[in-house]
Amino acid sequence: MGTGIIGTLVSLIVGGSVAAVTVVGVVSSQTGAPSESPGNSSEPAASVIQYGDN
């Protein structure tokens, strides 16, 4: 009985840690400097890719 409770607590702590690290990573990558952020609003992809100019 005690082993099951310890296993449950350990899995909650590990799962919570993984979730927290994931959320921090996603938020920091989306709100970082424009050079580090995957989306650059000052130079959108539509202005870089010239459609119809083959």
C-alpha atoms as a PDB file:
ATOM      1  CA  MET A   1       0.000   0.000   0.000  1.00  0.00           C
ATOM      2  CA  GLY A   2       2.782   2.455   0.895  1.00  0.00           C
ATOM      3  CA  THR A   3       4.673   1.689  -2.316  1.00  0.00           C
ATOM      4  CA  GLY A   4       1.664   2.632  -4.437  1.00  0.00           C
ATOM      5  CA  ILE A   5       1.300   5.983  -2.714  1.00  0.00           C
ATOM      6  CA  ILE A   6       5.020   6.734  -3.080  1.00  0.00           C
ATOM      7  CA  GLY A   7       4.898   5.776  -6.761  1.00  0.00           C
ATOM      8  CA  THR A   8       1.900   8.017  -7.297  1.00  0.00           C
ATOM      9  CA  LEU A   9       3.592  10.963  -5.603  1.00  0.00           C
ATOM     10  CA  VAL A  10       6.826  10.453  -7.556  1.00  0.00           C
ATOM     11  CA  SER A  11       4.944  10.264 -10.857  1.00  0.00           C
ATOM     12  CA  LEU A  12       3.010  13.437 -10.015  1.00  0.00           C
ATOM     13  CA  ILE A  13       6.230  15.289  -9.227  1.00  0.00           C
ATOM     14  CA  VAL A  14       8.011  14.058 -12.353  1.00  0.00           C
ATOM     15  CA  GLY A  15       4.995  14.731 -14.579  1.00  0.00           C
ATOM     16  CA  GLY A  16       4.529  18.195 -13.123  1.00  0.00           C
ATOM     17  CA  SER A  17       8.193  18.986 -13.664  1.00  0.00           C
ATOM     18  CA  VAL A  18       8.078  17.863 -17.295  1.00  0.00           C
ATOM     19  CA  ALA A  19       4.926  19.913 -17.912  1.00  0.00           C
ATOM     20  CA  ALA A  20       6.417  23.005 -16.272  1.00  0.00           C
ATOM     21  CA  VAL A  21       9.630  22.795 -18.299  1.00  0.00           C
ATOM     22  CA  THR A  22       7.623  22.328 -21.499  1.00  0.00           C
ATOM     23  CA  VAL A  23       5.402  25.342 -20.814  1.00  0.00           C
ATOM     24  CA  VAL A  24       8.387  27.536 -19.946  1.00  0.00           C
ATOM     25  CA  GLY A  25      10.172  26.456 -23.127  1.00  0.00           C
ATOM     26  CA  VAL A  26       7.185  27.142 -25.372  1.00  0.00           C
ATOM     27  CA  VAL A  27       6.440  30.522 -23.804  1.00  0.00           C
ATOM     28  CA  SER A  28      10.063  31.662 -23.948  1.00  0.00           C
ATOM     29  CA  SER A  29      10.412  30.591 -27.589  1.00  0.00           C
ATOM     30  CA  GLN A  30       7.246  32.454 -28.568  1.00  0.00           C
ATOM     31  CA  THR A  31       8.036  35.635 -26.643  1.00  0.00           C
ATOM     32  CA  GLY A  32      11.796  35.821 -27.235  1.00  0.00           C
ATOM     33  CA  ALA A  33      13.669  38.394 -29.253  1.00  0.00           C
ATOM     34  CA  PRO A  34      12.653  38.563 -32.937  1.00  0.00           C
ATOM     35  CA  SER A  35      15.916  36.924 -34.000  1.00  0.00           C
ATOM     36  CA  GLU A  36      15.202  33.980 -31.675  1.00  0.00           C
ATOM     37  CA  SER A  37      11.440  33.775 -32.189  1.00  0.00           C
ATOM     38  CA  PRO A  38      10.087  31.444 -34.878  1.00  0.00           C
ATOM     39  CA  GLY A  39       7.564  34.044 -36.042  1.00  0.00           C
ATOM     40  CA  ASN A  40       8.936  37.373 -37.237  1.00  0.00           C
ATOM     41  CA  SER A  41       6.132  39.895 -37.668  1.00  0.00           C
ATOM     42  CA  SER A  42       8.413  42.598 -39.042  1.00  0.00           C
ATOM     43  CA  GLU A  43       9.238  40.406 -42.042  1.00  0.00           C
ATOM     44  CA  PRO A  44       6.432  37.927 -42.686  1.00  0.00           C
ATOM     45  CA  ALA A  45       6.967  34.932 -44.921  1.00  0.00           C
ATOM     46  CA  ALA A  46       4.683  36.359 -47.635  1.00  0.00           C
ATOM     47  CA  SER A  47       7.175  39.173 -48.319  1.00  0.00           C
ATOM     48  CA  VAL A  48      10.072  36.710 -48.601  1.00  0.00           C
ATOM     49  CA  ILE A  49       8.383  34.109 -50.808  1.00  0.00           C
ATOM     50  CA  GLN A  50       7.422  35.546 -54.180  1.00  0.00           C
ATOM     51  CA  TYR A  51       4.445  33.549 -55.396  1.00  0.00           C
ATOM     52  CA  GLY A  52       3.951  33.307 -59.144  1.00  0.00           C
ATOM     53  CA  ASP A  53       7.459  34.478 -60.098  1.00  0.00           C
ATOM     54  CA  ASN A  54       8.717  31.254 -61.692  1.00  0.00           C
END
